Structure formats: C-alpha cells, structure tokens
C-alpha cells in the first residue's frame, strides 16, 4: 500500500490513514466511549521497533500498565500499538 492511501475492509476498518513511511494505522468504532466515533486505533510497524513509555506515578497500577513496564524492561522488539480512547 502506498503511504497516505487508505483502504477499508468489510468490517469498516480504515487502514493506511497515517502518513509515516513504514507504519500502517487503522481506526474503528468499538463502542468503548462513543457510539458514533472511532475509539480504537492500531498502529503497525512494518519492521520490528523499540518501545518506550511514560506511565503513571501512582502506586496502584492496572495490569496493562504493569505488562507494558515488563515489555519495555525486556527491550523486546514490538510491531503493534493498540490505543483506546479511554473507558
């Protein structure tokens, strides 16, 4: 797919709407927060990449935050980022 071009699949997910060479992006309406707006996104790297993060300083951390800490600490390559609008 050309950078900047978008396509839709049968589920209505739009791919390729980010304009960064080597990355694909998609957004869809999962119903997490808004009924009629995209609220879930996926960013995919065509090549393995390194992850970094900024996290809460709160002593109480949810399981996804702890998992992300572990992934970053291992310095493991990643290819996908999943982003939701918040619940």
Protein backbone atom coordinates (compact mmCIF):
# COMPACT_ATOMS: atom_id res chain seq x y z
CA UNK A 1 0.00 0.00 0.00
CA UNK A 2 1.25 3.49 -0.77
CA UNK A 3 1.90 5.82 2.14
CA UNK A 4 -1.06 8.12 2.66
CA UNK A 5 -3.51 5.85 0.82
CA UNK A 6 -6.37 4.25 2.70
CA UNK A 7 -8.49 1.18 2.17
CA UNK A 8 -11.48 -0.21 4.04
CA UNK A 9 -12.17 -3.85 4.76
CA UNK A 10 -15.58 -5.47 5.19
CA UNK A 11 -15.67 -4.51 8.89
CA UNK A 12 -15.26 -0.84 8.01
CA UNK A 13 -11.75 -0.59 9.46
CA UNK A 14 -9.73 2.03 7.60
CA UNK A 15 -6.06 1.12 7.03
CA UNK A 16 -3.25 3.41 5.96
CA UNK A 17 -4.55 6.76 7.12
CA UNK A 18 -1.30 7.74 8.84
CA UNK A 19 1.34 9.27 6.63
CA UNK A 20 4.53 7.80 8.11
CA UNK A 21 6.61 5.53 5.88
CA UNK A 22 6.95 2.03 7.35
CA UNK A 23 3.82 2.27 9.50
CA UNK A 24 0.18 1.44 8.91
CA UNK A 25 -2.68 2.67 11.03
CA UNK A 26 -6.30 1.78 11.46
CA UNK A 27 -9.20 3.16 13.44
CA UNK A 28 -12.67 1.83 14.10
CA UNK A 29 -15.72 2.23 16.29
CA UNK A 30 -15.51 -0.32 19.08
CA UNK A 31 -18.09 1.39 21.30
CA UNK A 32 -15.71 1.89 24.23
CA UNK A 33 -16.60 5.51 24.78
CA UNK A 34 -18.57 7.00 21.90
CA UNK A 35 -21.31 5.39 19.86
CA UNK A 36 -20.69 7.19 16.57
CA UNK A 37 -16.96 7.95 16.67
CA UNK A 38 -13.77 5.98 16.17
CA UNK A 39 -12.47 5.00 19.61
CA UNK A 40 -9.98 2.20 18.92
CA UNK A 41 -6.77 2.50 16.90
CA UNK A 42 -3.99 0.16 15.85
CA UNK A 43 -0.55 1.30 14.67
CA UNK A 44 1.55 -1.37 12.96
CA UNK A 45 5.27 -1.14 12.17
CA UNK A 46 6.39 -3.00 9.06
CA UNK A 47 9.71 -3.69 10.83
CA UNK A 48 10.40 -4.57 14.49
CA UNK A 49 10.78 -1.41 16.58
CA UNK A 50 11.70 -0.46 20.15
CA UNK A 51 9.06 0.61 22.64
CA UNK A 52 9.16 3.45 25.15
CA UNK A 53 6.52 4.70 27.54
CA UNK A 54 5.51 7.30 30.07
CA UNK A 55 3.42 5.88 32.90
CA UNK A 56 1.52 6.92 35.98
CA UNK A 57 3.48 7.51 39.18
CA UNK A 58 0.54 6.17 41.19
CA UNK A 59 1.39 3.26 43.50
CA UNK A 60 -1.69 1.41 42.24
CA UNK A 61 -1.15 0.31 38.63
CA UNK A 62 -3.52 -1.67 36.42
CA UNK A 63 -2.42 -4.96 34.85
CA UNK A 64 -1.89 -3.43 31.36
CA UNK A 65 0.47 -0.82 32.83
CA UNK A 66 2.48 -3.49 34.65
CA UNK A 67 2.63 -5.59 31.46
CA UNK A 68 3.89 -2.62 29.43
CA UNK A 69 6.59 -1.98 32.06
CA UNK A 70 7.75 -5.60 31.63
CA UNK A 71 7.81 -5.42 27.82
CA UNK A 72 9.85 -2.22 27.84
CA UNK A 73 12.23 -3.55 30.52
CA UNK A 74 12.98 -6.61 28.32
CA UNK A 75 13.87 -4.27 25.44
CA UNK A 76 11.91 -6.63 23.18
CA UNK A 77 11.08 -5.51 19.65
CA UNK A 78 7.44 -4.61 19.10
CA UNK A 79 5.39 -4.11 15.95
CA UNK A 80 1.92 -3.15 17.12
CA UNK A 81 0.41 -0.47 19.36
CA UNK A 82 -3.24 -0.68 20.39
CA UNK A 83 -4.82 2.57 21.58
CA UNK A 84 -8.28 3.11 23.05
CA UNK A 85 -9.99 6.39 23.82
CA UNK A 86 -10.48 5.54 27.48
CA UNK A 87 -13.24 3.82 29.35
